Full PDB file with SEQRES, HELIX, SHEET, SSBOND, CRYST1, ORIGX, SCALE, CONECT and MASTER records, all heavy atoms in Angstrom:
SEQRES   1 A   31  LEU ASP GLN HIS LEU ALA HIS GLN VAL ALA THR GLN LEU          
SEQRES   2 A   31  MET ALA LYS ASP ALA LEU GLY ALA HIS SER ARG ASP GLU          
SEQRES   3 A   31  LEU GLY ILE SER GLU                                          
HELIX    1 AA1 GLN A    3  ASP A   25  1                                  23    
CRYST1    1.000    1.000    1.000  90.00  90.00  90.00 P 1           1          
ORIGX1      1.000000  0.000000  0.000000        0.00000                         
ORIGX2      0.000000  1.000000  0.000000        0.00000                         
ORIGX3      0.000000  0.000000  1.000000        0.00000                         
SCALE1      1.000000  0.000000  0.000000        0.00000                         
SCALE2      0.000000  1.000000  0.000000        0.00000                         
SCALE3      0.000000  0.000000  1.000000        0.00000                         
ATOM      1  N   LEU A   1     -10.334  -6.117  -3.823  1.00  0.00           N  
ATOM      2  CA  LEU A   1      -9.960  -5.583  -5.130  1.00  0.00           C  
ATOM      3  C   LEU A   1      -9.574  -6.718  -6.069  1.00  0.00           C  
ATOM      4  O   LEU A   1      -9.084  -7.760  -5.633  1.00  0.00           O  
ATOM      5  CB  LEU A   1      -8.785  -4.605  -4.991  1.00  0.00           C  
ATOM      6  CG  LEU A   1      -8.989  -3.373  -4.105  1.00  0.00           C  
ATOM      7  CD1 LEU A   1      -7.771  -2.472  -4.180  1.00  0.00           C  
ATOM      8  CD2 LEU A   1     -10.244  -2.609  -4.486  1.00  0.00           C  
ATOM      9  N   ASP A   2      -9.777  -6.480  -7.382  1.00  0.00           N  
ATOM     10  CA  ASP A   2      -9.307  -7.493  -8.327  1.00  0.00           C  
ATOM     11  C   ASP A   2      -7.790  -7.385  -8.479  1.00  0.00           C  
ATOM     12  O   ASP A   2      -7.168  -6.407  -8.037  1.00  0.00           O  
ATOM     13  CB  ASP A   2     -10.025  -7.357  -9.676  1.00  0.00           C  
ATOM     14  CG  ASP A   2      -9.773  -6.009 -10.346  1.00  0.00           C  
ATOM     15  OD1 ASP A   2      -8.597  -5.594 -10.475  1.00  0.00           O  
ATOM     16  OD2 ASP A   2     -10.758  -5.356 -10.756  1.00  0.00           O  
ATOM     17  N   GLN A   3      -7.197  -8.380  -9.115  1.00  0.00           N  
ATOM     18  CA  GLN A   3      -5.737  -8.457  -9.201  1.00  0.00           C  
ATOM     19  C   GLN A   3      -5.133  -7.218  -9.865  1.00  0.00           C  
ATOM     20  O   GLN A   3      -4.143  -6.669  -9.383  1.00  0.00           O  
ATOM     21  CB  GLN A   3      -5.343  -9.711  -9.998  1.00  0.00           C  
ATOM     22  CG  GLN A   3      -5.632 -11.024  -9.308  1.00  0.00           C  
ATOM     23  CD  GLN A   3      -4.606 -11.364  -8.248  1.00  0.00           C  
ATOM     24  OE1 GLN A   3      -3.499 -10.816  -8.221  1.00  0.00           O  
ATOM     25  NE2 GLN A   3      -4.970 -12.279  -7.351  1.00  0.00           N  
ATOM     26  N   HIS A   4      -5.733  -6.779 -10.974  1.00  0.00           N  
ATOM     27  CA  HIS A   4      -5.175  -5.648 -11.711  1.00  0.00           C  
ATOM     28  C   HIS A   4      -5.229  -4.356 -10.896  1.00  0.00           C  
ATOM     29  O   HIS A   4      -4.245  -3.621 -10.797  1.00  0.00           O  
ATOM     30  CB  HIS A   4      -5.933  -5.466 -13.032  1.00  0.00           C  
ATOM     31  CG  HIS A   4      -5.449  -4.296 -13.838  1.00  0.00           C  
ATOM     32  ND1 HIS A   4      -4.189  -4.244 -14.415  1.00  0.00           N  
ATOM     33  CD2 HIS A   4      -6.064  -3.121 -14.158  1.00  0.00           C  
ATOM     34  CE1 HIS A   4      -4.045  -3.092 -15.044  1.00  0.00           C  
ATOM     35  NE2 HIS A   4      -5.175  -2.395 -14.910  1.00  0.00           N  
ATOM     36  N   LEU A   5      -6.403  -4.080 -10.320  1.00  0.00           N  
ATOM     37  CA  LEU A   5      -6.560  -2.856  -9.541  1.00  0.00           C  
ATOM     38  C   LEU A   5      -5.690  -2.900  -8.289  1.00  0.00           C  
ATOM     39  O   LEU A   5      -5.081  -1.890  -7.905  1.00  0.00           O  
ATOM     40  CB  LEU A   5      -8.027  -2.658  -9.156  1.00  0.00           C  
ATOM     41  CG  LEU A   5      -8.354  -1.391  -8.357  1.00  0.00           C  
ATOM     42  CD1 LEU A   5      -7.897  -0.139  -9.088  1.00  0.00           C  
ATOM     43  CD2 LEU A   5      -9.846  -1.326  -8.051  1.00  0.00           C  
ATOM     44  N   ALA A   6      -5.618  -4.058  -7.628  1.00  0.00           N  
ATOM     45  CA  ALA A   6      -4.780  -4.192  -6.436  1.00  0.00           C  
ATOM     46  C   ALA A   6      -3.320  -3.911  -6.763  1.00  0.00           C  
ATOM     47  O   ALA A   6      -2.601  -3.266  -5.985  1.00  0.00           O  
ATOM     48  CB  ALA A   6      -4.929  -5.592  -5.848  1.00  0.00           C  
ATOM     49  N   HIS A   7      -2.873  -4.384  -7.937  1.00  0.00           N  
ATOM     50  CA  HIS A   7      -1.488  -4.131  -8.354  1.00  0.00           C  
ATOM     51  C   HIS A   7      -1.260  -2.636  -8.589  1.00  0.00           C  
ATOM     52  O   HIS A   7      -0.224  -2.087  -8.186  1.00  0.00           O  
ATOM     53  CB  HIS A   7      -1.177  -4.916  -9.630  1.00  0.00           C  
ATOM     54  CG  HIS A   7       0.232  -4.755 -10.096  1.00  0.00           C  
ATOM     55  ND1 HIS A   7       1.285  -5.433  -9.530  1.00  0.00           N  
ATOM     56  CD2 HIS A   7       0.769  -3.960 -11.065  1.00  0.00           C  
ATOM     57  CE1 HIS A   7       2.413  -5.087 -10.124  1.00  0.00           C  
ATOM     58  NE2 HIS A   7       2.123  -4.186 -11.065  1.00  0.00           N  
ATOM     59  N   GLN A   8      -2.228  -1.974  -9.222  1.00  0.00           N  
ATOM     60  CA  GLN A   8      -2.106  -0.544  -9.454  1.00  0.00           C  
ATOM     61  C   GLN A   8      -2.040   0.237  -8.146  1.00  0.00           C  
ATOM     62  O   GLN A   8      -1.204   1.135  -7.979  1.00  0.00           O  
ATOM     63  CB  GLN A   8      -3.297  -0.047 -10.278  1.00  0.00           C  
ATOM     64  CG  GLN A   8      -3.247  -0.402 -11.747  1.00  0.00           C  
ATOM     65  CD  GLN A   8      -4.399   0.237 -12.493  1.00  0.00           C  
ATOM     66  OE1 GLN A   8      -5.557   0.144 -12.075  1.00  0.00           O  
ATOM     67  NE2 GLN A   8      -4.092   0.907 -13.596  1.00  0.00           N  
ATOM     68  N   VAL A   9      -2.934  -0.088  -7.243  1.00  0.00           N  
ATOM     69  CA  VAL A   9      -2.982   0.607  -5.952  1.00  0.00           C  
ATOM     70  C   VAL A   9      -1.675   0.405  -5.185  1.00  0.00           C  
ATOM     71  O   VAL A   9      -1.078   1.357  -4.670  1.00  0.00           O  
ATOM     72  CB  VAL A   9      -4.183   0.120  -5.113  1.00  0.00           C  
ATOM     73  CG1 VAL A   9      -4.109   0.685  -3.696  1.00  0.00           C  
ATOM     74  CG2 VAL A   9      -5.491   0.523  -5.772  1.00  0.00           C  
ATOM     75  N   ALA A  10      -1.236  -0.837  -5.101  1.00  0.00           N  
ATOM     76  CA  ALA A  10      -0.004  -1.130  -4.372  1.00  0.00           C  
ATOM     77  C   ALA A  10       1.190  -0.417  -5.000  1.00  0.00           C  
ATOM     78  O   ALA A  10       2.038   0.142  -4.295  1.00  0.00           O  
ATOM     79  CB  ALA A  10       0.235  -2.634  -4.338  1.00  0.00           C  
ATOM     80  N   THR A  11       1.260  -0.396  -6.345  1.00  0.00           N  
ATOM     81  CA  THR A  11       2.370   0.252  -7.041  1.00  0.00           C  
ATOM     82  C   THR A  11       2.391   1.744  -6.768  1.00  0.00           C  
ATOM     83  O   THR A  11       3.439   2.329  -6.457  1.00  0.00           O  
ATOM     84  CB  THR A  11       2.267   0.004  -8.555  1.00  0.00           C  
ATOM     85  OG1 THR A  11       2.310  -1.404  -8.802  1.00  0.00           O  
ATOM     86  CG2 THR A  11       3.426   0.671  -9.292  1.00  0.00           C  
ATOM     87  N   GLN A  12       1.224   2.383  -6.844  1.00  0.00           N  
ATOM     88  CA  GLN A  12       1.170   3.832  -6.644  1.00  0.00           C  
ATOM     89  C   GLN A  12       1.445   4.215  -5.193  1.00  0.00           C  
ATOM     90  O   GLN A  12       2.143   5.205  -4.921  1.00  0.00           O  
ATOM     91  CB  GLN A  12      -0.194   4.355  -7.086  1.00  0.00           C  
ATOM     92  CG  GLN A  12      -0.403   4.281  -8.593  1.00  0.00           C  
ATOM     93  CD  GLN A  12      -1.734   4.873  -9.027  1.00  0.00           C  
ATOM     94  OE1 GLN A  12      -2.250   5.794  -8.394  1.00  0.00           O  
ATOM     95  NE2 GLN A  12      -2.299   4.334 -10.095  1.00  0.00           N  
ATOM     96  N   LEU A  13       0.907   3.433  -4.249  1.00  0.00           N  
ATOM     97  CA  LEU A  13       1.156   3.752  -2.842  1.00  0.00           C  
ATOM     98  C   LEU A  13       2.627   3.556  -2.473  1.00  0.00           C  
ATOM     99  O   LEU A  13       3.206   4.356  -1.737  1.00  0.00           O  
ATOM    100  CB  LEU A  13       0.271   2.882  -1.948  1.00  0.00           C  
ATOM    101  CG  LEU A  13      -1.225   3.228  -1.936  1.00  0.00           C  
ATOM    102  CD1 LEU A  13      -1.983   2.245  -1.057  1.00  0.00           C  
ATOM    103  CD2 LEU A  13      -1.444   4.657  -1.437  1.00  0.00           C  
ATOM    104  N   MET A  14       3.234   2.496  -3.013  1.00  0.00           N  
ATOM    105  CA  MET A  14       4.646   2.260  -2.708  1.00  0.00           C  
ATOM    106  C   MET A  14       5.539   3.294  -3.377  1.00  0.00           C  
ATOM    107  O   MET A  14       6.605   3.637  -2.856  1.00  0.00           O  
ATOM    108  CB  MET A  14       5.047   0.846  -3.115  1.00  0.00           C  
ATOM    109  CG  MET A  14       4.510  -0.220  -2.183  1.00  0.00           C  
ATOM    110  SD  MET A  14       5.141  -1.881  -2.544  1.00  0.00           S  
ATOM    111  CE  MET A  14       6.891  -1.668  -2.181  1.00  0.00           C  
ATOM    112  N   ALA A  15       5.100   3.817  -4.525  1.00  0.00           N  
ATOM    113  CA  ALA A  15       5.876   4.860  -5.189  1.00  0.00           C  
ATOM    114  C   ALA A  15       5.897   6.147  -4.361  1.00  0.00           C  
ATOM    115  O   ALA A  15       6.887   6.880  -4.334  1.00  0.00           O  
ATOM    116  CB  ALA A  15       5.301   5.141  -6.578  1.00  0.00           C  
ATOM    117  N   LYS A  16       4.810   6.401  -3.672  1.00  0.00           N  
ATOM    118  CA  LYS A  16       4.727   7.615  -2.854  1.00  0.00           C  
ATOM    119  C   LYS A  16       5.365   7.429  -1.491  1.00  0.00           C  
ATOM    120  O   LYS A  16       6.160   8.255  -1.041  1.00  0.00           O  
ATOM    121  CB  LYS A  16       3.258   8.025  -2.680  1.00  0.00           C  
ATOM    122  CG  LYS A  16       3.086   9.288  -1.863  1.00  0.00           C  
ATOM    123  CD  LYS A  16       1.631   9.683  -1.737  1.00  0.00           C  
ATOM    124  CE  LYS A  16       1.483  10.968  -0.935  1.00  0.00           C  
ATOM    125  NZ  LYS A  16       0.062  11.359  -0.788  1.00  0.00           N  
ATOM    126  N   ASP A  17       5.002   6.331  -0.795  1.00  0.00           N  
ATOM    127  CA  ASP A  17       5.523   6.085   0.555  1.00  0.00           C  
ATOM    128  C   ASP A  17       5.405   4.594   0.853  1.00  0.00           C  
ATOM    129  O   ASP A  17       4.421   4.144   1.447  1.00  0.00           O  
ATOM    130  CB  ASP A  17       4.740   6.903   1.584  1.00  0.00           C  
ATOM    131  CG  ASP A  17       5.262   6.724   3.007  1.00  0.00           C  
ATOM    132  OD1 ASP A  17       6.315   6.076   3.177  1.00  0.00           O  
ATOM    133  OD2 ASP A  17       4.607   7.224   3.955  1.00  0.00           O  
ATOM    134  N   ALA A  18       6.406   3.856   0.442  1.00  0.00           N  
ATOM    135  CA  ALA A  18       6.352   2.401   0.583  1.00  0.00           C  
ATOM    136  C   ALA A  18       6.278   1.973   2.041  1.00  0.00           C  
ATOM    137  O   ALA A  18       5.472   1.114   2.417  1.00  0.00           O  
ATOM    138  CB  ALA A  18       7.570   1.763  -0.087  1.00  0.00           C  
ATOM    139  N   LEU A  19       7.109   2.571   2.880  1.00  0.00           N  
ATOM    140  CA  LEU A  19       7.128   2.189   4.285  1.00  0.00           C  
ATOM    141  C   LEU A  19       5.814   2.545   4.967  1.00  0.00           C  
ATOM    142  O   LEU A  19       5.281   1.772   5.768  1.00  0.00           O  
ATOM    143  CB  LEU A  19       8.303   2.861   5.005  1.00  0.00           C  
ATOM    144  CG  LEU A  19       8.471   2.494   6.484  1.00  0.00           C  
ATOM    145  CD1 LEU A  19       8.709   0.990   6.639  1.00  0.00           C  
ATOM    146  CD2 LEU A  19       9.625   3.285   7.105  1.00  0.00           C  
ATOM    147  N   GLY A  20       5.277   3.720   4.640  1.00  0.00           N  
ATOM    148  CA  GLY A  20       3.999   4.118   5.223  1.00  0.00           C  
ATOM    149  C   GLY A  20       2.873   3.194   4.830  1.00  0.00           C  
ATOM    150  O   GLY A  20       2.021   2.830   5.649  1.00  0.00           O  
ATOM    151  N   ALA A  21       2.861   2.771   3.559  1.00  0.00           N  
ATOM    152  CA  ALA A  21       1.812   1.868   3.080  1.00  0.00           C  
ATOM    153  C   ALA A  21       1.882   0.521   3.779  1.00  0.00           C  
ATOM    154  O   ALA A  21       0.863  -0.025   4.211  1.00  0.00           O  
ATOM    155  CB  ALA A  21       1.937   1.686   1.564  1.00  0.00           C  
ATOM    156  N   HIS A  22       3.090  -0.017   3.933  1.00  0.00           N  
ATOM    157  CA  HIS A  22       3.237  -1.316   4.583  1.00  0.00           C  
ATOM    158  C   HIS A  22       2.982  -1.216   6.095  1.00  0.00           C  
ATOM    159  O   HIS A  22       2.410  -2.128   6.692  1.00  0.00           O  
ATOM    160  CB  HIS A  22       4.628  -1.892   4.307  1.00  0.00           C  
ATOM    161  CG  HIS A  22       4.737  -2.554   2.979  1.00  0.00           C  
ATOM    162  ND1 HIS A  22       4.482  -3.893   2.784  1.00  0.00           N  
ATOM    163  CD2 HIS A  22       5.044  -2.043   1.757  1.00  0.00           C  
ATOM    164  CE1 HIS A  22       4.649  -4.190   1.506  1.00  0.00           C  
ATOM    165  NE2 HIS A  22       4.987  -3.079   0.858  1.00  0.00           N  
ATOM    166  N   SER A  23       3.415  -0.119   6.708  1.00  0.00           N  
ATOM    167  CA  SER A  23       3.172   0.056   8.142  1.00  0.00           C  
ATOM    168  C   SER A  23       1.682   0.104   8.433  1.00  0.00           C  
ATOM    169  O   SER A  23       1.199  -0.517   9.376  1.00  0.00           O  
ATOM    170  CB  SER A  23       3.839   1.352   8.637  1.00  0.00           C  
ATOM    171  OG  SER A  23       5.231   1.289   8.492  1.00  0.00           O  
ATOM    172  N   ARG A  24       0.970   0.810   7.586  1.00  0.00           N  
ATOM    173  CA  ARG A  24      -0.466   0.984   7.801  1.00  0.00           C  
ATOM    174  C   ARG A  24      -1.253  -0.269   7.446  1.00  0.00           C  
ATOM    175  O   ARG A  24      -2.092  -0.736   8.218  1.00  0.00           O  
ATOM    176  CB  ARG A  24      -0.956   2.175   6.969  1.00  0.00           C  
ATOM    177  CG  ARG A  24      -2.449   2.454   7.084  1.00  0.00           C  
ATOM    178  CD  ARG A  24      -2.841   3.640   6.205  1.00  0.00           C  
ATOM    179  NE  ARG A  24      -2.563   3.404   4.794  1.00  0.00           N  
ATOM    180  CZ  ARG A  24      -1.576   3.978   4.112  1.00  0.00           C  
ATOM    181  NH1 ARG A  24      -0.750   4.823   4.729  1.00  0.00           N  
ATOM    182  NH2 ARG A  24      -1.394   3.706   2.835  1.00  0.00           N  
ATOM    183  N   ASP A  25      -1.001  -0.832   6.249  1.00  0.00           N  
ATOM    184  CA  ASP A  25      -1.860  -1.895   5.745  1.00  0.00           C  
ATOM    185  C   ASP A  25      -1.382  -3.302   6.068  1.00  0.00           C  
ATOM    186  O   ASP A  25      -2.186  -4.237   6.090  1.00  0.00           O  
ATOM    187  CB  ASP A  25      -2.027  -1.743   4.236  1.00  0.00           C  
ATOM    188  CG  ASP A  25      -2.778  -0.469   3.869  1.00  0.00           C  
ATOM    189  OD1 ASP A  25      -3.701  -0.116   4.619  1.00  0.00           O  
ATOM    190  OD2 ASP A  25      -2.439   0.160   2.854  1.00  0.00           O  
ATOM    191  N   GLU A  26      -0.091  -3.467   6.314  1.00  0.00           N  
ATOM    192  CA  GLU A  26       0.414  -4.789   6.671  1.00  0.00           C  
ATOM    193  C   GLU A  26       0.552  -4.944   8.185  1.00  0.00           C  
ATOM    194  O   GLU A  26       0.154  -5.965   8.765  1.00  0.00           O  
ATOM    195  CB  GLU A  26       1.766  -5.042   6.010  1.00  0.00           C  
ATOM    196  CG  GLU A  26       2.343  -6.417   6.312  1.00  0.00           C  
ATOM    197  CD  GLU A  26       3.718  -6.632   5.708  1.00  0.00           C  
ATOM    198  OE1 GLU A  26       4.156  -5.809   4.866  1.00  0.00           O  
ATOM    199  OE2 GLU A  26       4.373  -7.622   6.096  1.00  0.00           O  
ATOM    200  N   LEU A  27       1.107  -3.916   8.835  1.00  0.00           N  
ATOM    201  CA  LEU A  27       1.357  -4.002  10.276  1.00  0.00           C  
ATOM    202  C   LEU A  27       0.220  -3.428  11.112  1.00  0.00           C  
ATOM    203  O   LEU A  27       0.137  -3.697  12.307  1.00  0.00           O  
ATOM    204  CB  LEU A  27       2.660  -3.264  10.625  1.00  0.00           C  
ATOM    205  CG  LEU A  27       3.917  -3.733   9.886  1.00  0.00           C  
ATOM    206  CD1 LEU A  27       5.117  -2.876  10.293  1.00  0.00           C  
ATOM    207  CD2 LEU A  27       4.187  -5.195  10.172  1.00  0.00           C  
ATOM    208  N   GLY A  28      -0.634  -2.609  10.504  1.00  0.00           N  
ATOM    209  CA  GLY A  28      -1.731  -1.996  11.258  1.00  0.00           C  
ATOM    210  C   GLY A  28      -1.295  -0.853  12.145  1.00  0.00           C  
ATOM    211  O   GLY A  28      -1.957  -0.527  13.130  1.00  0.00           O  
ATOM    212  N   ILE A  29      -0.174  -0.221  11.797  1.00  0.00           N  
ATOM    213  CA  ILE A  29       0.346   0.901  12.586  1.00  0.00           C  
ATOM    214  C   ILE A  29       0.080   2.186  11.823  1.00  0.00           C  
ATOM    215  O   ILE A  29       0.526   2.356  10.687  1.00  0.00           O  
ATOM    216  CB  ILE A  29       1.861   0.757  12.834  1.00  0.00           C  
ATOM    217  CG1 ILE A  29       2.151  -0.531  13.604  1.00  0.00           C  
ATOM    218  CG2 ILE A  29       2.397   1.961  13.589  1.00  0.00           C  
ATOM    219  CD1 ILE A  29       3.635  -0.840  13.733  1.00  0.00           C  
ATOM    220  N   SER A  30      -0.660   3.104  12.443  1.00  0.00           N  
ATOM    221  CA  SER A  30      -0.930   4.398  11.828  1.00  0.00           C  
ATOM    222  C   SER A  30      -0.593   5.506  12.802  1.00  0.00           C  
ATOM    223  O   SER A  30      -0.421   5.273  13.998  1.00  0.00           O  
ATOM    224  CB  SER A  30      -2.396   4.503  11.414  1.00  0.00           C  
ATOM    225  OG  SER A  30      -3.233   4.510  12.553  1.00  0.00           O  
ATOM    226  N   GLU A  31      -0.522   6.707  12.290  1.00  0.00           N  
ATOM    227  CA  GLU A  31      -0.196   7.851  13.143  1.00  0.00           C  
ATOM    228  C   GLU A  31      -1.255   8.062  14.214  1.00  0.00           C  
ATOM    229  O   GLU A  31      -0.960   8.435  15.342  1.00  0.00           O  
ATOM    230  CB  GLU A  31      -0.065   9.111  12.285  1.00  0.00           C  
ATOM    231  CG  GLU A  31       0.370  10.345  13.076  1.00  0.00           C  
ATOM    232  CD  GLU A  31       0.511  11.581  12.194  1.00  0.00           C  
ATOM    233  OE1 GLU A  31       0.426  11.438  10.957  1.00  0.00           O  
ATOM    234  OE2 GLU A  31       0.696  12.677  12.750  1.00  0.00           O  
TER     235      GLU A  31                                                      
MASTER        0    0    0    1    0    0    0    6  234    1    0    3          
END                                                                             
């Protein structure tokens, strides 16, 4: 993703579920 879109995606995902977003995309842990 480009910088602007990546910032939008990260902001919206963290607004909804920050821990879930980081667990899934940073740590690779999913349900």
